[in-house]
């Protein structure tokens, strides 16, 4: 089954590729989808991003740069799209606008309305459009999507890589479907060990109860 739509993550991945070495900006484009909203965009406190509605936290390495607001403003092309998808977190080891001779490690978390993908029933299916667009931007699949647990939480993980000069960018994306959203967690680094270390910053716990309808 073909799942329509263009994952928010894929467009962010294009931007991140530019940030790694030459700091080129990329603008996200997507077809307007039925409007929804993410009630809790989360917040960073003392180096820890927490989202109580979706029930996860992500520890940000010391000294990293938060570019969530800037990337959100630069990527939301229209109001209807911003309602159906939201960038929750975008942090980098070094300022993404600066040139560097190494891979700029990053953590990117995004949420999208599952209703934007007709026929989507699982996180596994989300990797169909995600992988297709990622491949079109020069990344190769290192590992096909597979089940991956963070604590007791089952996610689906896919691993990608891209040669950039003498360096290799490693990228892993973990995906869950939660409360009508597709939530993607993307980790970028210069080695598998570095990416795995970043994944360890993610944890799941108690979720905030949905608001009662009156």
N, C-alpha and C. Protein backbone atom coordinates (compact mmCIF):
# COMPACT_ATOMS: atom_id res chain seq x y z
N UNK A 1 0.84 -1.19 0.00
CA UNK A 1 0.00 0.00 0.00
C UNK A 1 0.88 1.24 0.00
N UNK A 2 0.55 2.15 -0.89
CA UNK A 2 1.32 3.38 -0.95
C UNK A 2 0.71 4.40 -0.01
N UNK A 3 1.55 5.01 0.83
CA UNK A 3 1.10 6.02 1.77
C UNK A 3 1.45 7.39 1.21
N UNK A 4 0.43 8.22 1.00
CA UNK A 4 0.65 9.53 0.43
C UNK A 4 1.20 10.49 1.47
N UNK A 5 1.78 11.57 0.97
CA UNK A 5 2.28 12.60 1.88
C UNK A 5 3.79 12.68 1.86
N UNK A 6 4.28 13.79 2.38
CA UNK A 6 5.72 14.01 2.44
C UNK A 6 6.13 14.24 3.89
N UNK A 7 6.84 13.33 4.50
CA UNK A 7 7.16 13.46 5.92
C UNK A 7 7.88 14.75 6.25
N UNK A 8 7.45 15.38 7.32
CA UNK A 8 8.13 16.57 7.81
C UNK A 8 9.60 16.27 8.05
N UNK A 9 9.89 15.11 8.63
CA UNK A 9 11.27 14.74 8.91
C UNK A 9 12.13 14.80 7.66
N UNK A 10 11.61 14.29 6.53
CA UNK A 10 12.43 14.22 5.32
C UNK A 10 12.89 15.60 4.89
N UNK A 11 12.00 16.58 4.96
CA UNK A 11 12.39 17.92 4.58
C UNK A 11 13.40 18.49 5.56
N UNK A 12 13.25 18.17 6.83
CA UNK A 12 14.23 18.60 7.81
C UNK A 12 15.57 17.94 7.56
N UNK A 13 15.54 16.69 7.11
CA UNK A 13 16.79 15.98 6.83
C UNK A 13 17.57 16.68 5.73
N UNK A 14 16.84 17.19 4.75
CA UNK A 14 17.50 17.94 3.68
C UNK A 14 18.21 19.16 4.26
N UNK A 15 17.53 19.86 5.15
CA UNK A 15 18.14 21.03 5.78
C UNK A 15 19.35 20.63 6.60
N UNK A 16 19.25 19.52 7.32
CA UNK A 16 20.34 19.08 8.17
C UNK A 16 21.56 18.69 7.35
N UNK A 17 21.35 18.13 6.17
CA UNK A 17 22.47 17.80 5.31
C UNK A 17 23.26 19.05 4.97
N UNK A 18 22.53 20.15 4.72
CA UNK A 18 23.23 21.40 4.43
C UNK A 18 23.95 21.93 5.64
N UNK A 19 23.37 21.77 6.81
CA UNK A 19 23.97 22.29 8.03
C UNK A 19 25.28 21.58 8.37
N UNK A 20 25.44 20.33 7.98
CA UNK A 20 26.58 19.55 8.44
C UNK A 20 27.92 20.16 8.02
N UNK A 21 28.01 20.64 6.79
CA UNK A 21 29.31 21.13 6.33
C UNK A 21 29.27 22.53 5.74
N UNK A 22 28.22 22.86 4.99
CA UNK A 22 28.25 24.14 4.28
C UNK A 22 27.18 25.11 4.73
N UNK A 23 26.40 24.73 5.72
CA UNK A 23 25.42 25.63 6.35
C UNK A 23 24.39 26.21 5.39
N UNK A 24 24.00 25.46 4.36
CA UNK A 24 22.97 25.93 3.45
C UNK A 24 21.61 25.72 4.09
N UNK A 25 20.71 26.69 3.94
CA UNK A 25 19.37 26.57 4.49
C UNK A 25 18.48 25.85 3.47
N UNK A 26 17.49 25.07 4.00
CA UNK A 26 16.50 24.40 3.15
C UNK A 26 15.12 24.72 3.68
N UNK A 27 14.20 24.94 2.80
CA UNK A 27 12.85 25.30 3.20
C UNK A 27 11.92 24.12 3.00
N UNK A 28 11.13 23.80 4.03
CA UNK A 28 10.20 22.68 3.94
C UNK A 28 9.00 23.08 3.10
N UNK A 29 8.58 22.15 2.22
CA UNK A 29 7.34 22.35 1.48
C UNK A 29 6.48 21.12 1.64
N UNK A 30 5.19 21.32 1.71
CA UNK A 30 4.28 20.19 1.85
C UNK A 30 2.90 20.63 1.41
N UNK A 31 2.11 19.69 0.91
CA UNK A 31 0.76 20.01 0.51
C UNK A 31 -0.09 20.26 1.74
N UNK A 32 -1.01 21.23 1.68
CA UNK A 32 -1.86 21.47 2.84
C UNK A 32 -2.64 20.22 3.21
N UNK A 33 -2.77 19.95 4.50
CA UNK A 33 -3.46 18.78 5.00
C UNK A 33 -4.51 19.23 6.00
N UNK A 34 -5.44 18.33 6.35
CA UNK A 34 -6.45 18.70 7.34
C UNK A 34 -5.80 19.23 8.61
N UNK A 35 -6.33 20.35 9.10
CA UNK A 35 -5.70 21.00 10.25
C UNK A 35 -5.92 20.23 11.53
N UNK A 36 -4.90 20.19 12.34
CA UNK A 36 -4.98 19.67 13.70
C UNK A 36 -3.98 20.47 14.50
N UNK A 37 -3.72 20.11 15.72
CA UNK A 37 -2.74 20.84 16.49
C UNK A 37 -2.10 19.92 17.50
N UNK A 38 -0.87 20.24 17.87
CA UNK A 38 -0.17 19.51 18.92
C UNK A 38 -0.32 20.37 20.17
N UNK A 39 -1.06 19.89 21.15
CA UNK A 39 -1.40 20.71 22.31
C UNK A 39 -0.18 21.10 23.11
N UNK A 40 0.78 20.19 23.26
CA UNK A 40 1.96 20.45 24.08
C UNK A 40 3.20 20.37 23.21
N UNK A 41 3.81 21.53 22.95
CA UNK A 41 5.04 21.54 22.15
C UNK A 41 6.25 21.21 22.99
N UNK A 42 6.07 21.06 24.31
CA UNK A 42 7.19 20.71 25.18
C UNK A 42 8.04 21.92 25.50
N UNK A 43 9.02 21.71 26.37
CA UNK A 43 9.90 22.79 26.78
C UNK A 43 11.22 22.22 27.27
N UNK A 44 12.26 23.05 27.18
CA UNK A 44 13.59 22.67 27.66
C UNK A 44 13.85 23.36 29.00
N UNK A 45 14.21 22.57 30.00
CA UNK A 45 14.55 23.09 31.31
C UNK A 45 15.82 22.40 31.80
N UNK A 46 16.83 23.19 32.10
CA UNK A 46 18.10 22.66 32.60
C UNK A 46 18.65 21.54 31.71
N UNK A 47 18.61 21.78 30.42
CA UNK A 47 19.19 20.83 29.47
C UNK A 47 18.36 19.59 29.21
N UNK A 48 17.09 19.58 29.63
CA UNK A 48 16.22 18.44 29.41
C UNK A 48 14.95 18.90 28.71
N UNK A 49 14.69 18.33 27.51
CA UNK A 49 13.43 18.60 26.83
C UNK A 49 12.39 17.62 27.35
N UNK A 50 11.22 18.15 27.72
CA UNK A 50 10.16 17.31 28.25
C UNK A 50 8.85 17.59 27.53
N UNK A 51 8.17 16.52 27.10
CA UNK A 51 6.86 16.65 26.50
C UNK A 51 5.91 15.75 27.27
N UNK A 52 5.09 16.36 28.12
CA UNK A 52 4.23 15.58 29.01
C UNK A 52 3.06 14.93 28.29
N UNK A 53 2.58 15.55 27.21
CA UNK A 53 1.46 14.98 26.48
C UNK A 53 1.86 13.69 25.77
N UNK A 54 3.01 13.71 25.11
CA UNK A 54 3.48 12.53 24.38
C UNK A 54 4.31 11.60 25.27
N UNK A 55 4.65 12.05 26.46
CA UNK A 55 5.25 11.18 27.45
C UNK A 55 6.71 10.82 27.22
N UNK A 56 7.53 11.79 26.80
CA UNK A 56 8.95 11.48 26.64
C UNK A 56 9.81 12.65 27.05
N UNK A 57 11.06 12.36 27.32
CA UNK A 57 12.06 13.38 27.59
C UNK A 57 13.28 13.10 26.72
N UNK A 58 14.07 14.14 26.48
CA UNK A 58 15.30 13.99 25.71
C UNK A 58 16.36 14.89 26.34
N UNK A 59 17.43 14.30 26.79
CA UNK A 59 18.51 15.06 27.41
C UNK A 59 19.38 15.67 26.32
N UNK A 60 19.60 16.97 26.40
CA UNK A 60 20.40 17.69 25.42
C UNK A 60 21.84 17.76 25.91
N UNK A 61 22.80 17.31 25.10
CA UNK A 61 24.20 17.38 25.53
C UNK A 61 24.62 18.79 25.90
N UNK A 62 25.47 18.90 26.89
CA UNK A 62 25.92 20.20 27.38
C UNK A 62 26.58 21.02 26.28
N UNK A 63 26.21 22.28 26.18
CA UNK A 63 26.83 23.19 25.23
C UNK A 63 26.21 23.19 23.84
N UNK A 64 25.21 22.33 23.61
CA UNK A 64 24.59 22.28 22.29
C UNK A 64 23.73 23.52 22.05
N UNK A 65 23.46 23.79 20.77
CA UNK A 65 22.74 24.98 20.35
C UNK A 65 21.31 24.62 19.96
N UNK A 66 20.35 25.35 20.52
CA UNK A 66 18.94 25.11 20.24
C UNK A 66 18.49 26.02 19.09
N UNK A 67 18.05 25.41 17.99
CA UNK A 67 17.58 26.18 16.85
C UNK A 67 16.12 25.84 16.51
N UNK A 68 15.37 25.38 17.49
CA UNK A 68 13.99 24.97 17.24
C UNK A 68 13.15 26.11 16.70
N UNK A 69 13.20 27.26 17.35
CA UNK A 69 12.37 28.38 16.92
C UNK A 69 12.75 28.87 15.53
N UNK A 70 14.05 28.97 15.27
CA UNK A 70 14.51 29.46 13.97
C UNK A 70 14.09 28.52 12.84
N UNK A 71 14.24 27.22 13.04
CA UNK A 71 13.87 26.27 12.01
C UNK A 71 12.36 26.20 11.81
N UNK A 72 11.62 26.40 12.89
CA UNK A 72 10.16 26.41 12.78
C UNK A 72 9.70 27.59 11.94
N UNK A 73 10.25 28.76 12.23
CA UNK A 73 9.89 29.96 11.48
C UNK A 73 10.29 29.85 10.02
N UNK A 74 11.42 29.21 9.74
CA UNK A 74 11.91 29.11 8.37
C UNK A 74 11.25 28.01 7.57
N UNK A 75 10.57 27.05 8.25
CA UNK A 75 10.04 25.91 7.52
C UNK A 75 8.54 25.94 7.33
N UNK A 76 7.81 26.69 8.15
CA UNK A 76 6.36 26.71 8.03
C UNK A 76 5.94 27.67 6.93
N UNK A 77 5.60 27.08 5.79
CA UNK A 77 5.27 27.90 4.64
C UNK A 77 3.86 28.44 4.65
N UNK A 78 2.93 27.78 5.40
CA UNK A 78 1.57 28.29 5.47
C UNK A 78 0.96 27.85 6.79
N UNK A 79 -0.10 28.55 7.19
CA UNK A 79 -0.68 28.31 8.50
C UNK A 79 -1.32 26.95 8.61
N UNK A 80 -1.95 26.44 7.55
CA UNK A 80 -2.59 25.14 7.63
C UNK A 80 -1.58 24.03 7.82
N UNK A 81 -0.41 24.16 7.18
CA UNK A 81 0.63 23.15 7.35
C UNK A 81 1.18 23.17 8.76
N UNK A 82 1.35 24.37 9.33
CA UNK A 82 1.89 24.46 10.67
C UNK A 82 0.95 23.86 11.69
N UNK A 83 -0.34 23.76 11.37
CA UNK A 83 -1.28 23.15 12.29
C UNK A 83 -1.23 21.62 12.23
N UNK A 84 -0.86 21.05 11.09
CA UNK A 84 -0.85 19.60 10.98
C UNK A 84 0.53 19.00 11.22
N UNK A 85 1.56 19.82 11.36
CA UNK A 85 2.89 19.31 11.67
C UNK A 85 3.63 20.35 12.50
N UNK A 86 4.48 19.85 13.39
CA UNK A 86 5.21 20.78 14.25
C UNK A 86 6.59 20.23 14.56
N UNK A 87 7.57 21.11 14.51
CA UNK A 87 8.92 20.78 14.92
C UNK A 87 8.99 20.98 16.42
N UNK A 88 9.23 19.90 17.17
CA UNK A 88 9.26 19.97 18.62
C UNK A 88 10.63 20.34 19.16
N UNK A 89 11.68 19.85 18.50
CA UNK A 89 13.03 20.09 19.00
C UNK A 89 14.04 19.98 17.86
N UNK A 90 14.98 20.91 17.80
CA UNK A 90 16.08 20.86 16.84
C UNK A 90 17.31 21.45 17.52
N UNK A 91 18.22 20.58 17.95
CA UNK A 91 19.43 21.02 18.65
C UNK A 91 20.66 20.48 17.94
N UNK A 92 21.75 21.26 17.99
CA UNK A 92 22.96 20.93 17.25
C UNK A 92 24.18 21.04 18.15
N UNK A 93 25.19 20.25 17.82
CA UNK A 93 26.44 20.31 18.57
C UNK A 93 27.11 21.66 18.40
N UNK A 94 27.07 22.19 17.16
CA UNK A 94 27.66 23.50 16.86
C UNK A 94 26.60 24.34 16.16
N UNK A 95 26.73 25.66 16.17
CA UNK A 95 25.78 26.49 15.44
C UNK A 95 25.69 26.04 13.99
N UNK A 96 24.50 25.70 13.51
CA UNK A 96 24.38 25.16 12.15
C UNK A 96 24.75 26.12 11.05
N UNK A 97 24.74 27.43 11.35
CA UNK A 97 25.10 28.40 10.32
C UNK A 97 26.61 28.54 10.14
N UNK A 98 27.39 27.92 11.03
CA UNK A 98 28.84 28.02 10.95
C UNK A 98 29.41 26.86 10.13
N UNK A 99 30.48 27.13 9.37
CA UNK A 99 31.14 26.06 8.63
C UNK A 99 31.93 25.19 9.58
N UNK A 100 32.16 23.95 9.19
CA UNK A 100 32.86 23.02 10.05
C UNK A 100 33.52 21.95 9.20
N UNK A 101 34.58 21.34 9.74
CA UNK A 101 35.24 20.25 9.01
C UNK A 101 34.83 18.90 9.59
N UNK A 102 33.73 18.88 10.34
CA UNK A 102 33.23 17.62 10.89
C UNK A 102 31.71 17.58 10.78
N UNK A 103 31.15 16.40 10.98
CA UNK A 103 29.70 16.27 10.95
C UNK A 103 29.12 16.95 12.19
N UNK A 104 28.17 17.82 11.96
CA UNK A 104 27.52 18.53 13.06
C UNK A 104 26.42 17.64 13.63
N UNK A 105 26.68 17.04 14.78
CA UNK A 105 25.70 16.15 15.39
C UNK A 105 24.42 16.92 15.72
N UNK A 106 23.29 16.23 15.67
CA UNK A 106 22.00 16.90 15.87
C UNK A 106 20.96 15.93 16.40
N UNK A 107 19.96 16.51 17.05
CA UNK A 107 18.77 15.78 17.47
C UNK A 107 17.57 16.58 16.99
N UNK A 108 16.68 15.93 16.25
CA UNK A 108 15.49 16.59 15.73
C UNK A 108 14.27 15.74 16.07
N UNK A 109 13.26 16.37 16.67
CA UNK A 109 12.02 15.67 17.01
C UNK A 109 10.87 16.42 16.35
N UNK A 110 10.00 15.69 15.66
CA UNK A 110 8.87 16.30 14.96
C UNK A 110 7.62 15.46 15.16
N UNK A 111 6.47 16.12 15.08
CA UNK A 111 5.19 15.43 15.19
C UNK A 111 4.31 15.84 14.03
N UNK A 112 3.59 14.88 13.46
CA UNK A 112 2.68 15.14 12.36
C UNK A 112 1.36 14.45 12.60
N UNK A 113 0.30 15.03 12.09
CA UNK A 113 -1.01 14.39 12.19
C UNK A 113 -1.02 13.14 11.32
N UNK A 114 -1.37 12.00 11.92
CA UNK A 114 -1.45 10.76 11.15
C UNK A 114 -2.51 10.85 10.05
N UNK A 115 -3.49 11.73 10.24
CA UNK A 115 -4.55 11.89 9.25
C UNK A 115 -4.03 12.46 7.93
N UNK A 116 -2.80 13.00 7.94
CA UNK A 116 -2.21 13.53 6.71
C UNK A 116 -1.78 12.41 5.76
N UNK A 117 -1.80 11.16 6.24
CA UNK A 117 -1.35 10.00 5.44
C UNK A 117 -2.48 8.99 5.33
N UNK A 118 -3.34 9.13 4.31
CA UNK A 118 -4.46 8.20 4.16
C UNK A 118 -3.98 6.75 4.11
N UNK A 119 -4.59 5.91 4.91
CA UNK A 119 -4.24 4.49 4.90
C UNK A 119 -3.13 4.12 5.85
N UNK A 120 -2.50 5.10 6.50
CA UNK A 120 -1.41 4.80 7.42
C UNK A 120 -1.95 4.13 8.68
N UNK A 121 -1.39 2.96 8.99
CA UNK A 121 -1.86 2.20 10.14
C UNK A 121 -0.75 1.91 11.15
N UNK A 122 0.50 2.13 10.77
CA UNK A 122 1.59 1.79 11.67
C UNK A 122 2.81 2.67 11.39
N UNK A 123 3.69 2.74 12.39
CA UNK A 123 4.93 3.50 12.22
C UNK A 123 5.79 2.89 11.12
N UNK A 124 5.71 1.58 10.95
CA UNK A 124 6.48 0.90 9.91
C UNK A 124 6.14 1.46 8.54
N UNK A 125 4.85 1.69 8.30
CA UNK A 125 4.42 2.20 7.00
C UNK A 125 4.95 3.60 6.72
N UNK A 126 5.15 4.37 7.77
CA UNK A 126 5.64 5.74 7.60
C UNK A 126 7.01 5.78 6.94
N UNK A 127 7.76 4.69 7.08
CA UNK A 127 9.10 4.66 6.49
C UNK A 127 9.06 4.53 4.96
N UNK A 128 7.91 4.22 4.39
CA UNK A 128 7.83 4.13 2.93
C UNK A 128 8.10 5.49 2.28
N UNK A 129 7.30 6.54 2.59
CA UNK A 129 7.62 7.85 2.00
C UNK A 129 8.89 8.45 2.56
N UNK A 130 9.18 8.20 3.83
CA UNK A 130 10.38 8.75 4.45
C UNK A 130 11.64 8.24 3.75
N UNK A 131 11.71 6.94 3.55
CA UNK A 131 12.89 6.34 2.92
C UNK A 131 13.03 6.77 1.47
N UNK A 132 11.90 6.84 0.75
CA UNK A 132 11.95 7.23 -0.66
C UNK A 132 12.53 8.63 -0.82
N UNK A 133 12.06 9.58 -0.02
CA UNK A 133 12.55 10.94 -0.15
C UNK A 133 13.98 11.07 0.36
N UNK A 134 14.30 10.35 1.42
CA UNK A 134 15.66 10.39 1.94
C UNK A 134 16.66 9.86 0.91
N UNK A 135 16.30 8.77 0.25
CA UNK A 135 17.16 8.23 -0.80
C UNK A 135 17.35 9.24 -1.93
N UNK A 136 16.28 9.96 -2.25
CA UNK A 136 16.37 10.92 -3.35
C UNK A 136 17.33 12.06 -3.04
N UNK A 137 17.67 12.24 -1.77
CA UNK A 137 18.60 13.29 -1.36
C UNK A 137 20.01 12.75 -1.14
N UNK A 138 20.24 11.51 -1.59
CA UNK A 138 21.61 10.99 -1.58
C UNK A 138 21.97 10.12 -0.40
N UNK A 139 21.04 9.87 0.51
CA UNK A 139 21.33 8.98 1.62
C UNK A 139 21.08 7.54 1.19
N UNK A 140 21.80 6.64 1.80
CA UNK A 140 21.58 5.22 1.55
C UNK A 140 21.07 4.56 2.82
N UNK A 141 20.35 3.46 2.65
CA UNK A 141 19.80 2.74 3.79
C UNK A 141 20.87 1.83 4.38
N UNK A 142 21.19 2.05 5.63
CA UNK A 142 22.15 1.19 6.33
C UNK A 142 21.44 0.00 6.95
N UNK A 143 20.24 0.24 7.48
CA UNK A 143 19.41 -0.83 8.04
C UNK A 143 17.96 -0.54 7.72
N UNK A 144 17.27 -1.53 7.15
CA UNK A 144 15.85 -1.39 6.89
C UNK A 144 15.12 -1.21 8.22
N UNK A 145 13.91 -0.61 8.20
CA UNK A 145 13.18 -0.38 9.44
C UNK A 145 13.02 -1.65 10.27
N UNK A 146 13.25 -1.52 11.57
CA UNK A 146 13.16 -2.67 12.48
C UNK A 146 12.66 -2.20 13.84
N UNK A 147 12.09 -3.12 14.61
CA UNK A 147 11.60 -2.75 15.94
C UNK A 147 12.77 -2.44 16.86
N UNK A 148 12.60 -1.36 17.62
CA UNK A 148 13.65 -0.91 18.52
C UNK A 148 12.99 -0.40 19.78
N UNK A 149 13.46 -0.84 20.92
CA UNK A 149 12.86 -0.44 22.19
C UNK A 149 13.71 0.60 22.91
N UNK A 150 13.02 1.60 23.42
CA UNK A 150 13.64 2.57 24.33
C UNK A 150 12.96 2.34 25.67
N UNK A 151 13.65 1.66 26.57
CA UNK A 151 13.00 1.20 27.78
C UNK A 151 11.94 0.18 27.41
N UNK A 152 10.72 0.42 27.86
CA UNK A 152 9.62 -0.49 27.55
C UNK A 152 8.84 -0.06 26.31
N UNK A 153 9.22 1.09 25.72
CA UNK A 153 8.47 1.63 24.59
C UNK A 153 8.95 1.06 23.26
N UNK A 154 8.08 0.38 22.50
CA UNK A 154 8.48 -0.12 21.19
C UNK A 154 8.35 0.96 20.12
N UNK A 155 9.43 1.17 19.36
CA UNK A 155 9.42 2.10 18.24
C UNK A 155 9.86 1.34 17.00
N UNK A 156 9.84 2.03 15.86
CA UNK A 156 10.43 1.50 14.63
C UNK A 156 11.61 2.39 14.29
N UNK A 157 12.75 1.76 13.97
CA UNK A 157 13.97 2.52 13.70
C UNK A 157 14.50 2.20 12.31
N UNK A 158 14.97 3.23 11.63
CA UNK A 158 15.65 3.07 10.36
C UNK A 158 16.97 3.80 10.41
N UNK A 159 18.02 3.25 9.79
CA UNK A 159 19.35 3.84 9.82
C UNK A 159 19.80 4.19 8.40
N UNK A 160 20.41 5.36 8.26
CA UNK A 160 20.84 5.87 6.96
C UNK A 160 22.27 6.40 7.06
N UNK A 161 22.90 6.57 5.91
CA UNK A 161 24.23 7.17 5.89
C UNK A 161 24.43 7.93 4.59
N UNK A 162 25.40 8.85 4.63
CA UNK A 162 25.74 9.62 3.43
C UNK A 162 27.20 10.02 3.50
N UNK A 163 27.94 9.76 2.45
CA UNK A 163 29.33 10.20 2.37
C UNK A 163 29.36 11.68 2.02
N UNK A 164 30.10 12.45 2.81
CA UNK A 164 30.25 13.88 2.58
C UNK A 164 31.75 14.16 2.59
N UNK A 165 32.34 14.21 1.40
CA UNK A 165 33.79 14.35 1.30
C UNK A 165 34.45 13.13 1.91
N UNK A 166 35.35 13.35 2.83
CA UNK A 166 36.03 12.25 3.51
C UNK A 166 35.29 11.76 4.75
N UNK A 167 34.14 12.35 5.00
CA UNK A 167 33.37 12.00 6.19
C UNK A 167 32.13 11.20 5.82
N UNK A 168 31.56 10.54 6.81
CA UNK A 168 30.31 9.82 6.63
C UNK A 168 29.32 10.28 7.68
N UNK A 169 28.20 10.78 7.21
CA UNK A 169 27.14 11.18 8.13
C UNK A 169 26.28 9.96 8.44
N UNK A 170 26.04 9.71 9.72
CA UNK A 170 25.16 8.63 10.15
C UNK A 170 23.87 9.24 10.68
N UNK A 171 22.77 8.65 10.31
CA UNK A 171 21.48 9.21 10.69
C UNK A 171 20.53 8.08 11.04
N UNK A 172 19.92 8.15 12.21
CA UNK A 172 18.93 7.16 12.63
C UNK A 172 17.64 7.88 12.99
N UNK A 173 16.53 7.32 12.55
CA UNK A 173 15.23 7.89 12.86
C UNK A 173 14.37 6.83 13.55
N UNK A 174 13.81 7.20 14.69
CA UNK A 174 12.91 6.35 15.45
C UNK A 174 11.52 6.94 15.35
N UNK A 175 10.51 6.08 15.17
CA UNK A 175 9.15 6.57 14.93
C UNK A 175 8.15 5.82 15.80
N UNK A 176 7.19 6.57 16.34
CA UNK A 176 6.04 5.97 17.02
C UNK A 176 4.78 6.66 16.52
N UNK A 177 3.65 5.98 16.67
CA UNK A 177 2.34 6.61 16.48
C UNK A 177 1.73 6.75 17.86
N UNK A 178 1.36 7.97 18.22
CA UNK A 178 0.89 8.25 19.57
C UNK A 178 -0.18 9.32 19.54
N UNK A 179 -1.38 9.00 20.04
CA UNK A 179 -2.46 9.97 20.16
C UNK A 179 -2.79 10.67 18.84
N UNK A 180 -2.80 9.92 17.76
CA UNK A 180 -3.14 10.48 16.47
C UNK A 180 -2.01 11.19 15.77
N UNK A 181 -0.81 11.11 16.31
CA UNK A 181 0.35 11.75 15.71
C UNK A 181 1.41 10.72 15.32
N UNK A 182 2.17 11.04 14.30
CA UNK A 182 3.39 10.33 13.98
C UNK A 182 4.51 11.16 14.58
N UNK A 183 5.24 10.58 15.51
CA UNK A 183 6.32 11.31 16.16
C UNK A 183 7.65 10.69 15.74
N UNK A 184 8.53 11.50 15.17
CA UNK A 184 9.82 11.01 14.69
C UNK A 184 10.95 11.64 15.49
N UNK A 185 11.92 10.81 15.84
CA UNK A 185 13.10 11.23 16.59
C UNK A 185 14.32 10.94 15.71
N UNK A 186 15.00 11.97 15.28
CA UNK A 186 16.13 11.81 14.36
C UNK A 186 17.43 12.20 15.05
N UNK A 187 18.42 11.33 14.93
CA UNK A 187 19.72 11.53 15.55
C UNK A 187 20.79 11.48 14.47
N UNK A 188 21.65 12.48 14.43
CA UNK A 188 22.68 12.59 13.41
C UNK A 188 24.05 12.71 14.07
N UNK A 189 25.02 11.97 13.53
CA UNK A 189 26.37 12.03 14.07
C UNK A 189 27.39 11.56 13.05
N UNK A 190 28.64 11.55 13.46
CA UNK A 190 29.72 11.17 12.55
C UNK A 190 30.10 9.71 12.63
N UNK A 191 29.44 8.95 13.52
CA UNK A 191 29.72 7.52 13.64
C UNK A 191 28.51 6.83 14.24
N UNK A 192 28.44 5.51 14.08
CA UNK A 192 27.35 4.75 14.67
C UNK A 192 27.35 4.87 16.19
N UNK A 193 28.55 4.83 16.78
CA UNK A 193 28.65 4.95 18.24
C UNK A 193 28.12 6.30 18.72
N UNK A 194 28.43 7.36 17.98
CA UNK A 194 27.96 8.68 18.37
C UNK A 194 26.44 8.74 18.31
N UNK A 195 25.86 8.21 17.24
CA UNK A 195 24.41 8.21 17.09
C UNK A 195 23.76 7.39 18.20
N UNK A 196 24.31 6.21 18.47
CA UNK A 196 23.75 5.37 19.54
C UNK A 196 23.81 6.07 20.89
N UNK A 197 24.87 6.83 21.12
CA UNK A 197 24.99 7.58 22.36
C UNK A 197 23.91 8.65 22.47
N UNK A 198 23.57 9.28 21.33
CA UNK A 198 22.52 10.28 21.34
C UNK A 198 21.16 9.65 21.57
N UNK A 199 20.93 8.48 20.99
CA UNK A 199 19.66 7.77 21.18
C UNK A 199 19.42 7.50 22.66
N UNK A 200 20.50 7.26 23.39
CA UNK A 200 20.37 6.97 24.82
C UNK A 200 19.85 8.17 25.61
N UNK A 201 19.84 9.35 24.99
CA UNK A 201 19.31 10.55 25.66
C UNK A 201 17.79 10.54 25.71
N UNK A 202 17.17 9.65 24.93
CA UNK A 202 15.71 9.59 24.83
C UNK A 202 15.14 8.62 25.85
N UNK A 203 14.07 9.03 26.51
CA UNK A 203 13.40 8.12 27.44
C UNK A 203 11.91 8.40 27.45
N UNK A 204 11.14 7.39 27.81
CA UNK A 204 9.69 7.50 27.86
C UNK A 204 9.20 7.23 29.27
N UNK A 205 8.16 7.95 29.64
CA UNK A 205 7.61 7.77 30.98
C UNK A 205 6.12 8.03 30.97
N UNK A 206 5.64 8.61 32.04
CA UNK A 206 4.21 8.83 32.20
C UNK A 206 3.73 9.94 31.27
N UNK A 207 2.57 9.71 30.63
CA UNK A 207 1.95 10.70 29.76
C UNK A 207 0.87 11.45 30.52
N UNK A 208 0.70 12.69 30.15
CA UNK A 208 -0.37 13.51 30.71
C UNK A 208 -1.70 12.99 30.19
N UNK A 209 -2.69 12.90 31.06
CA UNK A 209 -4.00 12.40 30.66
C UNK A 209 -4.67 13.39 29.71
N UNK A 210 -5.39 12.89 28.68
CA UNK A 210 -6.09 13.79 27.76
C UNK A 210 -7.13 14.62 28.50
N UNK A 211 -7.36 15.82 28.03
CA UNK A 211 -8.36 16.69 28.65
C UNK A 211 -9.75 16.10 28.43
N UNK A 212 -10.59 16.16 29.44
CA UNK A 212 -11.94 15.62 29.33
C UNK A 212 -12.79 16.54 28.47
N UNK A 213 -13.67 15.93 27.66
CA UNK A 213 -14.59 16.73 26.83
C UNK A 213 -15.80 17.11 27.65
N UNK A 214 -16.14 18.37 27.56
CA UNK A 214 -17.32 18.84 28.31
C UNK A 214 -18.52 18.98 27.40
